[in-house]
């Protein structure tokens, strides 16, 4: 399969703040500016781009990151150290917990704009 993910854009009222938060929690370098975007560089030449556009009342977005066990431990530690609300599920029904789906671990948390971020150590099973 030749198609690879390249980037996604998350809307934000304050793109710089949201991008800084996400980069810090994920343990990534500070975002770089590219035009109207605050860009967080990811592996495989992919990026997560925050932009101060498209912000409306239709809801927020969800992005999941596949991370190593060590990265997960560090991310979860930063979440807990900062007192950031987090959940084992996307519906916020298991606060302060993580999940153990697909033989790994997972956690959900929101960026300052309300976008739901997820970190998992095992990819979802392909059915």
N, C-alpha and C. Protein backbone atom coordinates (compact mmCIF):
# COMPACT_ATOMS: atom_id res chain seq x y z
N UNK A 1 0.84 -1.17 0.00
CA UNK A 1 0.00 0.00 0.00
C UNK A 1 0.90 1.24 0.00
N UNK A 2 0.69 2.14 -0.92
CA UNK A 2 1.56 3.31 -1.07
C UNK A 2 1.04 4.55 -0.34
N UNK A 3 -0.18 4.54 0.12
CA UNK A 3 -0.75 5.73 0.77
C UNK A 3 -0.27 5.80 2.21
N UNK A 4 0.29 6.97 2.58
CA UNK A 4 0.77 7.17 3.95
C UNK A 4 0.16 8.44 4.50
N UNK A 5 -0.08 8.45 5.79
CA UNK A 5 -0.60 9.63 6.45
C UNK A 5 0.45 10.72 6.42
N UNK A 6 0.04 11.98 6.17
CA UNK A 6 0.98 13.09 6.14
C UNK A 6 0.71 14.11 7.24
N UNK A 7 -0.52 14.60 7.34
CA UNK A 7 -0.83 15.58 8.39
C UNK A 7 -2.33 15.68 8.61
N UNK A 8 -2.69 16.26 9.73
CA UNK A 8 -4.07 16.63 9.99
C UNK A 8 -4.05 18.01 10.64
N UNK A 9 -5.15 18.72 10.50
CA UNK A 9 -5.25 20.07 11.05
C UNK A 9 -6.32 20.07 12.14
N UNK A 10 -5.96 20.60 13.30
CA UNK A 10 -6.91 20.76 14.39
C UNK A 10 -7.24 22.24 14.53
N UNK A 11 -8.53 22.57 14.59
CA UNK A 11 -8.90 23.97 14.77
C UNK A 11 -8.65 24.43 16.20
N UNK A 12 -8.33 25.71 16.34
CA UNK A 12 -8.05 26.24 17.67
C UNK A 12 -8.32 27.74 17.71
N UNK A 13 -8.79 28.20 18.85
CA UNK A 13 -8.90 29.64 19.05
C UNK A 13 -7.52 30.23 19.34
N UNK A 14 -6.67 29.45 20.01
CA UNK A 14 -5.29 29.85 20.30
C UNK A 14 -4.38 28.70 19.87
N UNK A 15 -3.99 28.71 18.61
CA UNK A 15 -3.22 27.60 18.03
C UNK A 15 -1.86 27.42 18.70
N UNK A 16 -1.20 28.51 19.02
CA UNK A 16 0.12 28.41 19.64
C UNK A 16 0.03 27.73 21.00
N UNK A 17 -0.95 28.12 21.79
CA UNK A 17 -1.13 27.52 23.13
C UNK A 17 -1.44 26.03 23.03
N UNK A 18 -2.36 25.68 22.16
CA UNK A 18 -2.76 24.27 22.01
C UNK A 18 -1.59 23.43 21.49
N UNK A 19 -0.85 23.95 20.54
CA UNK A 19 0.29 23.20 19.98
C UNK A 19 1.40 23.03 21.01
N UNK A 20 1.68 24.08 21.78
CA UNK A 20 2.69 23.96 22.84
C UNK A 20 2.30 22.90 23.86
N UNK A 21 1.04 22.93 24.29
CA UNK A 21 0.53 21.96 25.25
C UNK A 21 0.72 20.53 24.72
N UNK A 22 0.26 20.29 23.51
CA UNK A 22 0.32 18.94 22.94
C UNK A 22 1.76 18.49 22.78
N UNK A 23 2.63 19.34 22.27
CA UNK A 23 4.04 18.97 22.10
C UNK A 23 4.68 18.66 23.45
N UNK A 24 4.40 19.47 24.46
CA UNK A 24 4.97 19.24 25.79
C UNK A 24 4.50 17.93 26.39
N UNK A 25 3.19 17.67 26.33
CA UNK A 25 2.65 16.43 26.91
C UNK A 25 3.21 15.21 26.18
N UNK A 26 3.34 15.29 24.86
CA UNK A 26 3.87 14.16 24.09
C UNK A 26 5.38 14.05 24.17
N UNK A 27 6.04 15.05 24.74
CA UNK A 27 7.49 15.02 24.84
C UNK A 27 8.19 15.28 23.52
N UNK A 28 7.57 16.11 22.69
CA UNK A 28 8.11 16.43 21.36
C UNK A 28 8.72 17.83 21.35
N UNK A 29 9.54 18.13 20.35
CA UNK A 29 10.10 19.48 20.24
C UNK A 29 8.99 20.53 20.11
N UNK A 30 9.32 21.74 20.46
CA UNK A 30 8.36 22.84 20.35
C UNK A 30 7.83 22.94 18.92
N UNK A 31 6.59 23.35 18.78
CA UNK A 31 6.02 23.50 17.43
C UNK A 31 6.78 24.54 16.63
N UNK A 32 6.74 24.37 15.33
CA UNK A 32 7.33 25.36 14.42
C UNK A 32 6.19 26.06 13.70
N UNK A 33 6.44 27.27 13.26
CA UNK A 33 5.43 28.04 12.54
C UNK A 33 5.63 27.84 11.05
N UNK A 34 4.54 27.55 10.36
CA UNK A 34 4.55 27.43 8.90
C UNK A 34 3.29 28.11 8.39
N UNK A 35 3.43 29.33 7.92
CA UNK A 35 2.27 30.10 7.49
C UNK A 35 1.35 30.33 8.66
N UNK A 36 0.08 29.93 8.52
CA UNK A 36 -0.90 30.12 9.59
C UNK A 36 -0.90 28.96 10.58
N UNK A 37 -0.03 27.98 10.38
CA UNK A 37 -0.06 26.77 11.19
C UNK A 37 1.01 26.73 12.27
N UNK A 38 0.67 26.13 13.40
CA UNK A 38 1.61 25.74 14.45
C UNK A 38 1.80 24.25 14.23
N UNK A 39 2.98 23.83 13.79
CA UNK A 39 3.21 22.47 13.32
C UNK A 39 4.01 21.67 14.34
N UNK A 40 3.46 20.51 14.72
CA UNK A 40 4.17 19.57 15.57
C UNK A 40 4.64 18.43 14.66
N UNK A 41 5.94 18.30 14.55
CA UNK A 41 6.48 17.25 13.69
C UNK A 41 6.43 15.90 14.40
N UNK A 42 5.96 14.88 13.66
CA UNK A 42 5.83 13.53 14.17
C UNK A 42 6.76 12.61 13.37
N UNK A 43 6.76 11.34 13.72
CA UNK A 43 7.56 10.36 12.98
C UNK A 43 7.04 10.21 11.55
N UNK A 44 7.85 9.62 10.70
CA UNK A 44 7.47 9.31 9.32
C UNK A 44 7.09 10.54 8.51
N UNK A 45 7.68 11.69 8.83
CA UNK A 45 7.45 12.94 8.12
C UNK A 45 6.00 13.41 8.21
N UNK A 46 5.27 12.95 9.22
CA UNK A 46 3.90 13.38 9.44
C UNK A 46 3.89 14.56 10.40
N UNK A 47 2.77 15.27 10.45
CA UNK A 47 2.67 16.39 11.38
C UNK A 47 1.24 16.57 11.85
N UNK A 48 1.13 17.20 13.00
CA UNK A 48 -0.13 17.63 13.57
C UNK A 48 -0.10 19.15 13.51
N UNK A 49 -1.02 19.74 12.78
CA UNK A 49 -1.01 21.17 12.55
C UNK A 49 -2.21 21.82 13.24
N UNK A 50 -1.96 22.81 14.08
CA UNK A 50 -3.03 23.59 14.69
C UNK A 50 -3.18 24.88 13.89
N UNK A 51 -4.44 25.29 13.68
CA UNK A 51 -4.71 26.53 12.94
C UNK A 51 -5.88 27.26 13.57
N UNK A 52 -5.80 28.58 13.56
CA UNK A 52 -6.88 29.40 14.09
C UNK A 52 -7.91 29.63 12.99
N UNK A 53 -8.58 28.55 12.65
CA UNK A 53 -9.60 28.59 11.60
C UNK A 53 -10.57 27.45 11.84
N UNK A 54 -11.70 27.51 11.24
CA UNK A 54 -12.71 26.45 11.30
C UNK A 54 -13.26 26.21 12.70
N UNK A 55 -13.03 27.12 13.62
CA UNK A 55 -13.54 26.93 14.97
C UNK A 55 -15.02 27.32 14.98
N UNK A 56 -15.85 26.36 15.29
CA UNK A 56 -17.28 26.62 15.36
C UNK A 56 -17.91 25.71 16.40
N UNK A 57 -19.19 25.61 16.43
CA UNK A 57 -19.87 24.84 17.46
C UNK A 57 -20.18 23.40 17.04
N UNK A 58 -19.64 22.93 15.93
CA UNK A 58 -19.97 21.58 15.46
C UNK A 58 -19.26 20.48 16.23
N UNK A 59 -18.37 20.80 17.09
CA UNK A 59 -17.70 19.77 17.87
C UNK A 59 -16.21 19.81 17.68
N UNK A 60 -15.56 18.88 18.32
CA UNK A 60 -14.11 18.85 18.32
C UNK A 60 -13.61 17.60 17.60
N UNK A 61 -12.32 17.49 17.49
CA UNK A 61 -11.70 16.41 16.74
C UNK A 61 -11.01 15.43 17.68
N UNK A 62 -10.65 14.30 17.11
CA UNK A 62 -9.96 13.25 17.85
C UNK A 62 -8.73 12.83 17.05
N UNK A 63 -7.60 12.70 17.76
CA UNK A 63 -6.37 12.22 17.15
C UNK A 63 -5.74 11.21 18.09
N UNK A 64 -5.33 10.06 17.54
CA UNK A 64 -4.68 9.02 18.34
C UNK A 64 -3.22 8.89 17.93
N UNK A 65 -2.36 8.67 18.92
CA UNK A 65 -0.92 8.51 18.69
C UNK A 65 -0.50 7.13 19.17
N UNK A 66 0.22 6.40 18.32
CA UNK A 66 0.79 5.12 18.71
C UNK A 66 2.17 5.41 19.29
N UNK A 67 2.37 5.03 20.55
CA UNK A 67 3.61 5.35 21.26
C UNK A 67 4.21 4.09 21.86
N UNK A 68 5.48 4.15 22.21
CA UNK A 68 6.13 3.01 22.87
C UNK A 68 5.69 2.97 24.34
N UNK A 69 5.99 1.88 25.01
CA UNK A 69 5.68 1.79 26.44
C UNK A 69 6.39 2.87 27.23
N UNK A 70 7.65 3.12 26.92
CA UNK A 70 8.41 4.16 27.63
C UNK A 70 7.80 5.54 27.38
N UNK A 71 7.43 5.81 26.13
CA UNK A 71 6.79 7.10 25.82
C UNK A 71 5.46 7.23 26.55
N UNK A 72 4.69 6.15 26.60
CA UNK A 72 3.41 6.17 27.30
C UNK A 72 3.62 6.51 28.77
N UNK A 73 4.59 5.85 29.40
CA UNK A 73 4.87 6.12 30.82
C UNK A 73 5.20 7.59 31.03
N UNK A 74 6.03 8.16 30.16
CA UNK A 74 6.42 9.57 30.29
C UNK A 74 5.23 10.50 30.05
N UNK A 75 4.42 10.20 29.05
CA UNK A 75 3.24 11.02 28.75
C UNK A 75 2.26 10.97 29.92
N UNK A 76 1.98 9.78 30.42
CA UNK A 76 1.05 9.65 31.54
C UNK A 76 1.59 10.37 32.78
N UNK A 77 2.89 10.31 33.00
CA UNK A 77 3.49 11.02 34.13
C UNK A 77 3.28 12.52 33.98
N UNK A 78 3.48 13.07 32.77
CA UNK A 78 3.29 14.51 32.55
C UNK A 78 1.82 14.88 32.75
N UNK A 79 0.91 14.04 32.27
CA UNK A 79 -0.52 14.30 32.46
C UNK A 79 -0.84 14.38 33.94
N UNK A 80 -0.37 13.41 34.70
CA UNK A 80 -0.67 13.36 36.13
C UNK A 80 0.03 14.48 36.90
N UNK A 81 1.29 14.77 36.56
CA UNK A 81 2.02 15.85 37.23
C UNK A 81 1.31 17.19 37.08
N UNK A 82 0.70 17.42 35.93
CA UNK A 82 0.04 18.69 35.65
C UNK A 82 -1.43 18.69 36.08
N UNK A 83 -1.89 17.57 36.60
CA UNK A 83 -3.29 17.49 37.04
C UNK A 83 -4.28 17.56 35.89
N UNK A 84 -3.88 17.07 34.72
CA UNK A 84 -4.75 17.10 33.55
C UNK A 84 -5.77 15.95 33.65
N UNK A 85 -7.02 16.28 33.45
CA UNK A 85 -8.04 15.24 33.45
C UNK A 85 -7.74 14.24 32.34
N UNK A 86 -7.94 12.97 32.64
CA UNK A 86 -7.73 11.93 31.63
C UNK A 86 -8.67 10.77 31.92
N UNK A 87 -8.86 9.95 30.89
CA UNK A 87 -9.85 8.90 30.97
C UNK A 87 -9.36 7.65 30.25
N UNK A 88 -9.97 6.52 30.61
CA UNK A 88 -9.65 5.26 29.95
C UNK A 88 -10.48 5.07 28.69
N UNK A 89 -11.44 5.96 28.45
CA UNK A 89 -12.34 5.80 27.32
C UNK A 89 -12.69 7.17 26.74
N UNK A 90 -13.13 7.20 25.48
CA UNK A 90 -13.42 8.50 24.85
C UNK A 90 -14.69 9.17 25.36
N UNK A 91 -15.49 8.46 26.13
CA UNK A 91 -16.75 9.01 26.62
C UNK A 91 -16.63 9.58 28.04
N UNK A 92 -15.42 9.58 28.56
CA UNK A 92 -15.12 10.14 29.88
C UNK A 92 -15.85 9.42 31.02
N UNK A 93 -16.15 8.15 30.83
CA UNK A 93 -16.87 7.41 31.87
C UNK A 93 -15.94 6.74 32.87
N UNK A 94 -14.63 6.74 32.59
CA UNK A 94 -13.66 6.13 33.51
C UNK A 94 -12.55 7.13 33.81
N UNK A 95 -12.86 8.18 34.57
CA UNK A 95 -11.88 9.23 34.85
C UNK A 95 -10.69 8.73 35.66
N UNK A 96 -9.51 9.32 35.37
CA UNK A 96 -8.30 9.01 36.11
C UNK A 96 -7.74 7.63 35.85
N UNK A 97 -8.26 6.94 34.85
CA UNK A 97 -7.83 5.58 34.56
C UNK A 97 -7.23 5.48 33.16
N UNK A 98 -6.59 4.35 32.89
CA UNK A 98 -6.12 4.01 31.55
C UNK A 98 -6.81 2.71 31.15
N UNK A 99 -6.74 2.38 29.86
CA UNK A 99 -7.31 1.12 29.41
C UNK A 99 -6.19 0.15 29.04
N UNK A 100 -6.57 -1.09 28.82
CA UNK A 100 -5.62 -2.14 28.45
C UNK A 100 -6.13 -2.88 27.23
N UNK A 101 -6.60 -2.12 26.25
CA UNK A 101 -7.17 -2.70 25.04
C UNK A 101 -6.10 -3.21 24.09
N UNK A 102 -6.43 -4.23 23.34
CA UNK A 102 -5.58 -4.76 22.27
C UNK A 102 -4.19 -5.17 22.75
N UNK A 103 -4.11 -5.56 24.02
CA UNK A 103 -2.83 -6.00 24.55
C UNK A 103 -1.88 -4.87 24.92
N UNK A 104 -2.38 -3.66 24.97
CA UNK A 104 -1.54 -2.52 25.31
C UNK A 104 -2.20 -1.65 26.35
N UNK A 105 -1.82 -0.39 26.37
CA UNK A 105 -2.39 0.59 27.29
C UNK A 105 -2.83 1.80 26.49
N UNK A 106 -3.84 2.49 27.01
CA UNK A 106 -4.33 3.68 26.34
C UNK A 106 -4.86 4.70 27.32
N UNK A 107 -4.78 5.97 26.91
CA UNK A 107 -5.30 7.06 27.73
C UNK A 107 -5.84 8.15 26.80
N UNK A 108 -6.90 8.81 27.25
CA UNK A 108 -7.51 9.92 26.53
C UNK A 108 -7.38 11.18 27.38
N UNK A 109 -7.16 12.32 26.73
CA UNK A 109 -7.13 13.61 27.40
C UNK A 109 -7.43 14.68 26.36
N UNK A 110 -7.85 15.85 26.82
CA UNK A 110 -8.20 16.94 25.91
C UNK A 110 -7.09 17.97 25.87
N UNK A 111 -6.89 18.56 24.68
CA UNK A 111 -6.00 19.71 24.59
C UNK A 111 -6.76 20.93 25.08
N UNK A 112 -6.13 22.10 25.19
CA UNK A 112 -6.84 23.27 25.71
C UNK A 112 -8.03 23.72 24.87
N UNK A 113 -8.13 23.24 23.62
CA UNK A 113 -9.23 23.60 22.74
C UNK A 113 -10.38 22.60 22.79
N UNK A 114 -10.21 21.52 23.57
CA UNK A 114 -11.26 20.52 23.65
C UNK A 114 -11.14 19.39 22.65
N UNK A 115 -10.07 19.37 21.87
CA UNK A 115 -9.84 18.25 20.97
C UNK A 115 -9.42 17.05 21.80
N UNK A 116 -9.97 15.89 21.52
CA UNK A 116 -9.67 14.68 22.30
C UNK A 116 -8.44 13.99 21.73
N UNK A 117 -7.40 13.87 22.55
CA UNK A 117 -6.17 13.20 22.16
C UNK A 117 -6.10 11.85 22.84
N UNK A 118 -5.52 10.89 22.16
CA UNK A 118 -5.42 9.53 22.67
C UNK A 118 -4.01 9.01 22.43
N UNK A 119 -3.43 8.36 23.43
CA UNK A 119 -2.14 7.70 23.27
C UNK A 119 -2.34 6.23 23.56
N UNK A 120 -1.86 5.38 22.64
CA UNK A 120 -2.00 3.93 22.78
C UNK A 120 -0.66 3.27 22.53
N UNK A 121 -0.45 2.13 23.18
CA UNK A 121 0.82 1.40 22.99
C UNK A 121 0.66 0.22 22.04
N UNK A 122 -0.57 -0.12 21.69
CA UNK A 122 -0.82 -1.20 20.73
C UNK A 122 -1.89 -0.72 19.75
N UNK A 123 -1.67 -0.93 18.46
CA UNK A 123 -2.68 -0.49 17.49
C UNK A 123 -3.98 -1.27 17.67
N UNK A 124 -5.07 -0.65 17.27
CA UNK A 124 -6.36 -1.33 17.33
C UNK A 124 -6.31 -2.55 16.39
N UNK A 125 -6.95 -3.60 16.82
CA UNK A 125 -6.99 -4.81 16.01
C UNK A 125 -7.74 -4.55 14.70
N UNK A 126 -7.21 -5.04 13.62
CA UNK A 126 -7.88 -4.89 12.32
C UNK A 126 -8.84 -6.06 12.15
N UNK A 127 -10.08 -5.73 12.01
CA UNK A 127 -11.10 -6.79 11.89
C UNK A 127 -11.68 -6.83 10.51
